[in-house]
Amino acid sequence: MSSLYPCRMDQARNGAVAPLFALLLPVLFLLSGFAINLAYMQLLTTELKIATDAAAHAGGRAMSIHQTTDAAYHYAHRIAALNRVGGQSLQVPMNEDYMKFGLSIRGNNGQGKYEFTQVSKAAIDNESARATSISVEGSIEMPLVFQAIPGIREFAARRRSIATQLDRDIALVLDRSGSMQWYKDLEALDKKLYKLYRLRRIKYSEYRNATRYNMYSVNTMKRLTGDMQEFAYDRVYNRESASRHSRWHFLDLGVDAFLSVLDETDQEEQVSLVTFDSYADLRTSLASDYTEIREIVAEEYPSGNTAIGRGLQVSLPPIVSGTGARPFAAKTIVVLTDGENNQSPDPEDVVVDIIANNNVTIHTVTFTTGADQESMARVAALGGGRHYHADEGEDLIGIFEEIANNLPTILTE
C-alpha cells in the first residue's frame, strides 16, 4: 500500500505548517517590537543618566569655583543641553523643581551612603544656610520605535543625579628659602639702586652692599622711596619676621586669603603646614583651626636653600596617615616656590613615588620670574593638579583664593 501513495503524508504535513506559521507570525512580530522598544528604552535611560550626571557635575564645579547658586544653575542647564537624549538636547529648567541645593552627609559614621537633604536656594543666597551638593533631575517623554502595541505609544523617564563637594585634608608646602626675603620685584629695586649710584646719590660701596648682600645704609634708605624704602628699613631694623614688601610678606597675605576662604566653605577643611629651605619641617599637623598656621607664617624669617623635593616628602604622611587624617577626605598638596630646586631629591621623582601609592592631588604655585615654572608645571601635571604662576606679589592672593575654592566634586547619586 505504501508504494502506491508515496507522497500523501508529506502533503498533509505541508498543509499543517502554513496555518501554524500564520498564527505565530503576529506573535513573533509583537515580540520583535517589544525587544526593539526594550532596547530603545534602555538606550534612552543610559543617555538620560549620562546627561544628568554631566549636568550635576558641572553645576557642582561651578558652585565650587564661583560660589553662587546662579552659576551652578547656568552651567548645569548648559551642560545638560549639550547632551542628547533620543536625538534631542536635554532641557533642564533652572528652578527648584529640577535643580535643588542641599547637604549630603555620609551616614554610618562616615562609611555609609551619602544622604541628601534639600536647602532652599533663597536661604543659600542670603547666606542664612549653606550647601555642599546640587541635585539635577532630568525627564524625557519619547515616542517608541514600535507603535503596534495598543496603549503603549511613548516612554517617560526621570533621572536624578547629585554632585557633592568633598571635605579635604590639605598640606600647605611653602618655600622659606633666603630669596623669599628679597624685595617683591628685585629687578626694579636693582634698577633703582643703579640709577642712584649713577647719579652719585649713593656711593659704590652702598650700591654693592645693597645689591649683593641686601645691606642698606641710612643714606641708601633715605634715597629710596615708597615701598622700596620700607623694605630697606625692615632689612636693617627688623630681624624677627620678613620685611614688608618682601616675597614672603605677599605669601603671608596669600595664605591668609586661602585660609579665609576655607573658613567660609561648607566643608570641613583640615590644613597642615610644611616649610622648606635647605631642609623641610612639619610646622603644624592637620587642624581645622588655622590660628597657629597664620601666626607661624606671619612671624617667619626666610633663609637657606631650596629643597622642594624634601618639602613634598614631609607633606605626605600627615594627610594620609597622620593624627586627624580622614580616610574619606580628598588629599591635596599645595606647594609654592619662588626659585629652583637645588637640593636632592628631585621634586618630579618624589611626585612619581607619591602618586604611585596614594590618591593625592598636587597643585603648584610659582612666584616671580626667577621661579622654575617648567619643572613645577610638570610636578602639577604628574600630581593631577594645576600649575599657577604669579609675577607680582598681589597676584598670589587671587591664586590662593582660586585654589581654596577649587573643591573636589564627585557624583554621590
Protein backbone atom coordinates (compact mmCIF):
# COMPACT_ATOMS: atom_id res chain seq x y z
CA MET A 1 0.00 0.00 0.00
CA SER A 2 2.77 2.43 0.89
CA SER A 3 4.31 2.09 -2.57
CA LEU A 4 1.05 3.15 -4.23
CA TYR A 5 0.73 6.51 -2.33
CA PRO A 6 4.32 7.71 -1.60
CA CYS A 7 3.62 11.50 -1.17
CA ARG A 8 0.29 11.67 0.62
CA MET A 9 1.78 12.05 4.22
CA ASP A 10 4.25 14.85 3.21
CA GLN A 11 1.49 16.76 1.54
CA ALA A 12 -0.56 16.58 4.73
CA ARG A 13 2.34 17.95 6.80
CA ASN A 14 2.93 20.88 4.45
CA GLY A 15 -0.67 21.82 4.77
CA ALA A 16 -0.44 21.91 8.59
CA VAL A 17 2.66 24.22 8.82
CA ALA A 18 1.20 27.09 6.85
CA PRO A 19 -1.70 27.78 9.28
CA LEU A 20 0.68 27.45 12.24
CA PHE A 21 3.09 29.97 10.72
CA ALA A 22 0.20 32.35 10.00
CA LEU A 23 -0.90 32.00 13.62
CA LEU A 24 2.60 32.63 15.10
CA LEU A 25 3.63 35.45 12.78
CA PRO A 26 1.75 38.20 14.68
CA VAL A 27 3.18 36.89 17.96
CA LEU A 28 6.71 36.96 16.56
CA PHE A 29 6.04 40.42 15.21
CA LEU A 30 4.90 41.65 18.63
CA LEU A 31 7.84 40.01 20.40
CA SER A 32 10.28 41.63 17.96
CA GLY A 33 8.64 45.01 18.51
CA PHE A 34 8.77 44.52 22.27
CA ALA A 35 12.51 43.70 22.06
CA ILE A 36 13.15 46.76 19.90
CA ASN A 37 11.26 49.02 22.32
CA LEU A 38 13.03 47.50 25.32
CA ALA A 39 16.44 48.16 23.75
CA TYR A 40 15.39 51.70 22.83
CA MET A 41 14.15 52.40 26.38
CA GLN A 42 17.46 51.13 27.76
CA LEU A 43 19.33 53.43 25.37
CA LEU A 44 17.21 56.43 26.43
CA THR A 45 17.75 55.61 30.10
CA THR A 46 21.52 55.42 29.62
CA GLU A 47 21.62 58.68 27.66
CA LEU A 48 19.49 60.38 30.34
CA LYS A 49 21.86 59.16 33.05
CA ILE A 50 24.90 60.45 31.20
CA ALA A 51 23.26 63.84 30.62
CA THR A 52 22.09 64.38 34.21
CA ASP A 53 25.42 63.15 35.63
CA ALA A 54 27.29 65.62 33.44
CA ALA A 55 24.90 68.46 34.33
CA ALA A 56 25.13 67.78 38.08
CA HIS A 57 28.92 67.59 37.97
CA ALA A 58 29.12 70.87 36.01
CA GLY A 59 26.76 72.54 38.46
CA GLY A 60 28.81 71.29 41.40
CA ARG A 61 32.06 72.53 39.87
CA ALA A 62 30.50 75.93 39.13
CA MET A 63 29.19 76.19 42.69
CA SER A 64 32.67 75.33 43.95
CA ILE A 65 34.58 77.78 41.78
CA HIS A 66 32.14 80.71 41.57
CA GLN A 67 30.44 80.21 44.93
CA THR A 68 27.00 81.23 43.63
CA THR A 69 23.82 79.24 43.05
CA ASP A 70 23.13 81.17 39.83
CA ALA A 71 26.42 79.98 38.35
CA ALA A 72 25.50 76.40 39.30
CA TYR A 73 22.11 76.82 37.60
CA HIS A 74 23.68 78.24 34.45
CA TYR A 75 26.35 75.57 33.99
CA ALA A 76 24.08 72.65 34.87
CA HIS A 77 21.47 73.87 32.35
CA ARG A 78 24.11 74.49 29.68
CA ILE A 79 25.86 71.13 30.01
CA ALA A 80 22.55 69.26 30.09
CA ALA A 81 21.60 70.87 26.77
CA LEU A 82 24.88 69.77 25.21
CA ASN A 83 23.90 66.14 25.78
CA ARG A 84 21.34 64.49 23.52
CA VAL A 85 18.70 62.04 24.69
CA GLY A 86 16.85 60.29 21.90
CA GLY A 87 18.38 62.70 19.43
CA GLN A 88 17.19 65.81 21.31
CA SER A 89 19.00 68.16 23.70
CA LEU A 90 18.09 67.56 27.33
CA GLN A 91 16.37 70.65 28.71
CA VAL A 92 16.54 71.04 32.49
CA PRO A 93 14.62 74.11 33.74
CA MET A 94 16.55 76.40 36.09
CA ASN A 95 14.20 76.18 39.06
CA GLU A 96 13.97 74.22 42.28
CA ASP A 97 11.60 71.65 40.78
CA TYR A 98 14.52 70.32 38.74
CA MET A 99 17.67 71.76 40.35
CA LYS A 100 17.95 71.55 44.12
CA PHE A 101 20.70 72.53 46.54
CA GLY A 102 21.39 70.85 49.83
CA LEU A 103 23.70 68.97 52.14
CA SER A 104 24.99 65.46 51.52
CA ILE A 105 26.17 63.70 54.64
CA ARG A 106 27.71 60.26 54.71
CA GLY A 107 25.92 58.00 57.19
CA ASN A 108 27.22 55.15 59.35
CA ASN A 109 30.00 57.24 60.87
CA GLY A 110 31.29 58.37 57.50
CA GLN A 111 31.31 54.94 55.88
CA GLY A 112 27.75 54.63 54.54
CA LYS A 113 25.86 56.14 51.62
CA TYR A 114 25.55 59.88 51.12
CA GLU A 115 22.14 61.19 52.18
CA PHE A 116 20.85 64.38 50.52
CA THR A 117 18.83 66.99 52.44
CA GLN A 118 17.48 69.94 50.45
CA VAL A 119 18.19 73.55 51.42
CA SER A 120 16.29 76.39 49.74
CA LYS A 121 18.12 78.47 47.16
CA ALA A 122 16.88 81.67 48.79
CA ALA A 123 18.40 80.68 52.14
CA ILE A 124 21.74 80.00 50.47
CA ASP A 125 21.66 83.26 48.50
CA ASN A 126 21.03 85.36 51.61
CA GLU A 127 23.73 83.38 53.47
CA SER A 128 21.38 82.01 56.14
CA ALA A 129 22.17 78.44 55.02
CA ARG A 130 24.95 76.55 53.26
CA ALA A 131 25.07 73.80 50.68
CA THR A 132 27.58 71.15 49.65
CA SER A 133 25.56 69.46 46.90
CA ILE A 134 23.42 70.09 43.84
CA SER A 135 20.73 67.72 42.62
CA VAL A 136 19.79 67.81 38.93
CA GLU A 137 16.69 65.99 37.69
CA GLY A 138 16.15 65.34 34.01
CA SER A 139 12.98 63.97 32.43
CA ILE A 140 12.01 62.75 28.95
CA GLU A 141 8.89 61.62 27.07
CA MET A 142 9.81 59.99 23.79
CA PRO A 143 7.67 58.06 21.23
CA LEU A 144 8.60 54.41 21.00
CA VAL A 145 10.12 52.98 17.84
CA PHE A 146 7.50 50.24 17.58
CA GLN A 147 3.95 51.64 17.77
CA ALA A 148 1.87 48.49 17.11
CA ILE A 149 1.28 47.54 20.75
CA PRO A 150 -2.08 49.01 21.84
CA GLY A 151 -1.84 51.58 24.66
CA ILE A 152 1.98 51.74 24.62
CA ARG A 153 2.99 54.67 22.46
CA GLU A 154 5.71 56.53 24.38
CA PHE A 155 8.35 56.10 27.05
CA ALA A 156 8.65 58.51 30.01
CA ALA A 157 11.61 58.51 32.43
CA ARG A 158 13.12 60.69 35.15
CA ARG A 159 16.66 60.59 36.47
CA ARG A 160 18.25 62.41 39.44
CA SER A 161 21.98 62.95 39.79
CA ILE A 162 23.65 64.56 42.81
CA ALA A 163 27.14 66.09 42.83
CA THR A 164 28.80 66.68 46.19
CA GLN A 165 31.86 68.69 47.15
CA LEU A 166 34.21 66.67 49.33
CA ASP A 167 35.97 67.54 52.55
CA ARG A 168 39.72 67.97 52.13
CA ASP A 169 42.88 67.28 54.08
CA ILE A 170 45.34 69.86 52.73
CA ALA A 171 49.10 70.22 53.09
CA LEU A 172 50.49 73.70 52.50
CA VAL A 173 54.14 73.40 51.45
CA LEU A 174 55.85 76.80 51.46
CA ASP A 175 59.30 77.88 50.26
CA ARG A 176 61.00 79.77 53.08
CA SER A 177 64.43 79.91 51.41
CA GLY A 178 66.51 83.07 51.52
CA SER A 179 65.16 84.50 48.25
CA MET A 180 61.68 84.78 49.81
CA GLN A 181 63.15 87.58 51.92
CA TRP A 182 64.01 89.60 48.81
CA TYR A 183 62.03 92.56 47.56
CA LYS A 184 58.89 91.62 45.61
CA ASP A 185 60.40 92.91 42.34
CA LEU A 186 64.16 92.53 42.68
CA GLU A 187 64.85 93.71 39.14
CA ALA A 188 63.05 97.02 39.78
CA LEU A 189 64.97 97.54 43.03
CA ASP A 190 68.30 96.83 41.35
CA LYS A 191 67.50 99.34 38.60
CA LYS A 192 66.61 101.97 41.18
CA LEU A 193 69.84 101.40 43.10
CA TYR A 194 71.92 101.52 39.92
CA LYS A 195 70.25 104.80 38.93
CA LEU A 196 71.04 106.31 42.34
CA TYR A 197 74.65 105.19 42.03
CA ARG A 198 75.00 106.65 38.52
CA LEU A 199 73.52 109.95 39.73
CA ARG A 200 76.02 109.89 42.62
CA ARG A 201 73.22 109.83 45.18
CA ILE A 202 74.81 106.78 46.86
CA LYS A 203 78.37 105.52 46.91
CA TYR A 204 79.58 102.48 45.05
CA SER A 205 80.08 100.63 48.35
CA GLU A 206 76.44 101.30 49.27
CA TYR A 207 75.28 100.12 45.84
CA ARG A 208 77.40 96.97 46.08
CA ASN A 209 76.29 96.10 49.61
CA ALA A 210 72.63 96.66 48.78
CA THR A 211 72.62 94.62 45.55
CA ARG A 212 74.93 91.82 46.64
CA TYR A 213 74.25 91.42 50.33
CA ASN A 214 70.90 93.15 50.99
CA MET A 215 72.67 95.53 53.34
CA TYR A 216 71.29 99.08 53.38
CA SER A 217 72.84 102.16 54.92
CA VAL A 218 70.77 105.00 56.35
CA ASN A 219 71.83 107.12 53.36
CA THR A 220 70.62 104.47 50.91
CA MET A 221 67.28 104.19 52.70
CA LYS A 222 66.79 107.95 52.51
CA ARG A 223 67.29 107.89 48.73
CA LEU A 224 64.75 105.15 48.17
CA THR A 225 61.05 105.97 48.22
CA GLY A 226 57.75 104.30 48.98
CA ASP A 227 57.66 100.53 49.48
CA MET A 228 61.34 100.19 48.47
CA GLN A 229 62.27 102.40 51.41
CA GLU A 230 60.04 100.39 53.76
CA PHE A 231 61.66 97.17 52.53
CA ALA A 232 65.18 98.53 53.10
CA TYR A 233 64.22 99.87 56.52
CA ASP A 234 62.90 96.48 57.60
CA ARG A 235 66.05 94.76 56.32
CA VAL A 236 68.12 96.94 58.64
CA TYR A 237 65.98 97.10 61.77
CA ASN A 238 63.59 94.13 61.72
CA ARG A 239 65.09 90.69 62.31
CA GLU A 240 62.05 88.98 63.78
CA SER A 241 59.93 88.49 60.67
CA ALA A 242 60.01 89.01 56.91
CA SER A 243 60.38 92.54 55.54
CA ARG A 244 57.42 94.49 54.34
CA HIS A 245 57.10 94.15 50.53
CA SER A 246 59.30 91.06 50.56
CA ARG A 247 58.14 87.98 48.70
CA TRP A 248 57.30 86.28 51.98
CA HIS A 249 55.17 89.26 53.01
CA PHE A 250 52.94 88.69 49.98
CA LEU A 251 52.93 84.96 50.60
CA ASP A 252 51.64 85.73 54.09
CA LEU A 253 48.77 87.73 52.55
CA GLY A 254 48.03 84.92 50.09
CA VAL A 255 47.98 82.23 52.77
CA ASP A 256 45.68 84.35 54.93
CA ALA A 257 43.29 84.76 51.97
CA PHE A 258 43.45 80.99 51.35
CA LEU A 259 42.55 80.20 54.95
CA SER A 260 39.82 82.85 55.00
CA VAL A 261 38.09 81.16 52.05
CA LEU A 262 38.36 77.78 53.79
CA ASP A 263 36.78 79.31 56.89
CA GLU A 264 33.68 80.07 54.82
CA THR A 265 33.27 76.80 52.91
CA ASP A 266 30.59 74.34 53.92
CA GLN A 267 33.11 71.51 54.04
CA GLU A 268 35.30 70.59 56.98
CA GLU A 269 38.74 71.55 55.67
CA GLN A 270 41.84 70.49 57.63
CA VAL A 271 45.23 72.04 56.87
CA SER A 272 48.79 71.18 57.82
CA LEU A 273 51.84 73.37 57.24
CA VAL A 274 55.28 72.38 55.92
CA THR A 275 58.08 74.87 55.22
CA PHE A 276 61.32 74.13 53.44
CA ASP A 277 64.68 75.80 52.93
CA SER A 278 67.78 73.57 52.85
CA TYR A 279 65.65 71.03 54.72
CA ALA A 280 61.92 70.61 55.37
CA ASP A 281 59.93 70.74 58.58
CA LEU A 282 56.36 69.88 59.54
CA ARG A 283 55.24 73.00 61.37
CA THR A 284 51.66 72.01 62.20
CA SER A 285 49.67 68.80 61.87
CA LEU A 286 46.19 68.74 60.33
CA ALA A 287 43.79 71.12 62.05
CA SER A 288 40.55 72.90 61.22
CA ASP A 289 41.57 75.88 63.37
CA TYR A 290 44.08 77.85 61.32
CA THR A 291 45.26 80.27 64.03
CA GLU A 292 48.63 78.59 64.52
CA ILE A 293 49.33 78.49 60.78
CA ARG A 294 48.59 82.20 60.46
CA GLU A 295 50.91 83.00 63.37
CA ILE A 296 53.79 80.89 62.03
CA VAL A 297 53.62 82.37 58.52
CA ALA A 298 53.32 85.94 59.82
CA GLU A 299 56.44 85.57 62.02
CA GLU A 300 58.65 83.59 59.61
CA TYR A 301 62.13 84.81 58.70
CA PRO A 302 63.25 83.10 55.43
CA SER A 303 66.81 81.84 54.86
CA GLY A 304 68.70 78.93 53.31
CA ASN A 305 68.50 76.95 50.06
CA THR A 306 65.52 75.44 48.18
CA ALA A 307 64.65 71.78 48.87
CA ILE A 308 61.29 71.39 47.11
CA GLY A 309 61.53 67.59 46.95
CA ARG A 310 62.10 67.33 50.69
CA GLY A 311 59.12 69.59 51.30
CA LEU A 312 56.90 67.27 49.27
CA GLN A 313 58.19 64.20 51.12
CA VAL A 314 57.46 65.70 54.54
CA SER A 315 54.00 66.90 53.47
CA LEU A 316 52.58 63.45 52.63
CA PRO A 317 52.42 61.46 55.92
CA PRO A 318 50.34 63.99 57.91
CA ILE A 319 47.49 64.00 55.35
CA VAL A 320 47.36 60.27 54.58
CA SER A 321 48.26 58.58 57.87
CA GLY A 322 48.86 61.24 60.50
CA THR A 323 46.77 62.16 63.50
CA GLY A 324 43.45 63.53 62.29
CA ALA A 325 43.84 62.31 58.69
CA ARG A 326 40.40 61.24 57.42
CA PRO A 327 40.15 58.16 55.17
CA PHE A 328 37.33 59.59 53.01
CA ALA A 329 38.61 63.18 52.70
CA ALA A 330 40.24 64.26 49.45
CA LYS A 331 44.00 64.66 49.85
CA THR A 332 45.55 67.83 48.42
CA ILE A 333 49.09 69.24 48.45
CA VAL A 334 49.73 72.89 47.53
CA VAL A 335 53.42 73.74 47.06
CA LEU A 336 54.80 77.25 46.43
CA THR A 337 58.30 78.30 45.41
CA ASP A 338 59.99 81.40 44.03
CA GLY A 339 63.10 79.60 42.80
CA GLU A 340 64.61 76.34 41.58
CA ASN A 341 65.16 73.13 43.48
CA ASN A 342 68.85 72.92 44.47
CA GLN A 343 68.79 70.07 46.97
CA SER A 344 68.13 66.36 46.45
CA PRO A 345 65.77 64.63 45.85
CA ASP A 346 64.30 65.91 42.61
CA PRO A 347 60.66 67.00 43.16
CA GLU A 348 59.46 65.24 40.00
CA ASP A 349 60.83 61.92 41.24
CA VAL A 350 59.17 62.49 44.61
CA VAL A 351 55.77 63.13 43.00
CA VAL A 352 56.03 59.95 40.92
CA ASP A 353 56.54 57.99 44.15
CA ILE A 354 53.67 59.80 45.91
CA ILE A 355 51.16 59.24 43.12
CA ALA A 356 52.14 55.59 42.67
CA ASN A 357 50.84 54.70 46.13
CA ASN A 358 48.43 57.47 47.15
CA ASN A 359 45.32 59.17 45.81
CA VAL A 360 46.64 62.73 46.15
CA THR A 361 46.17 65.87 44.04
CA ILE A 362 49.17 68.23 43.85
CA HIS A 363 48.87 71.89 42.86
CA THR A 364 51.96 74.06 42.32
CA VAL A 365 52.42 77.82 42.52
CA THR A 366 55.47 79.65 41.19
CA PHE A 367 56.22 83.22 42.20
CA THR A 368 58.32 85.84 40.35
CA THR A 369 60.14 85.45 37.04
CA GLY A 370 63.04 83.59 38.66
CA ALA A 371 60.95 80.54 39.52
CA ASP A 372 61.34 77.28 37.60
CA GLN A 373 57.89 77.32 36.01
CA GLU A 374 58.52 74.41 33.63
CA SER A 375 59.57 71.98 36.34
CA MET A 376 56.74 72.95 38.66
CA ALA A 377 54.22 72.67 35.83
CA ARG A 378 55.44 69.10 35.29
CA VAL A 379 55.09 68.39 39.02
CA ALA A 380 51.46 69.57 38.90
CA ALA A 381 50.76 67.51 35.77
CA LEU A 382 52.23 64.39 37.38
CA GLY A 383 50.19 65.08 40.51
CA GLY A 384 46.91 65.52 38.64
CA GLY A 385 46.62 69.15 39.69
CA ARG A 386 47.10 72.63 38.23
CA HIS A 387 50.07 74.93 37.98
CA TYR A 388 49.64 78.63 38.80
CA HIS A 389 52.11 81.47 38.31
CA ALA A 390 52.30 84.97 39.76
CA ASP A 391 54.77 87.59 38.55
CA GLU A 392 53.54 90.13 41.09
CA GLY A 393 53.04 89.66 44.80
CA GLU A 394 49.48 90.91 44.67
CA ASP A 395 48.57 88.10 42.23
CA LEU A 396 49.24 85.48 44.90
CA ILE A 397 46.11 86.43 46.80
CA GLY A 398 43.86 85.68 43.83
CA ILE A 399 45.68 82.40 43.11
CA PHE A 400 45.33 81.12 46.66
CA GLU A 401 41.66 82.10 46.73
CA GLU A 402 41.10 80.18 43.49
CA ILE A 403 42.81 77.07 44.87
CA ALA A 404 40.74 77.28 48.07
CA ASN A 405 37.52 77.50 46.04
CA ASN A 406 38.53 74.62 43.77
CA LEU A 407 36.79 71.94 45.81
CA PRO A 408 36.85 68.33 44.57
CA THR A 409 33.38 67.30 43.35
CA ILE A 410 32.08 63.74 42.98
CA LEU A 411 28.77 62.18 41.98
CA THR A 412 27.10 60.74 45.07
CA GLU A 413 23.86 59.60 43.40
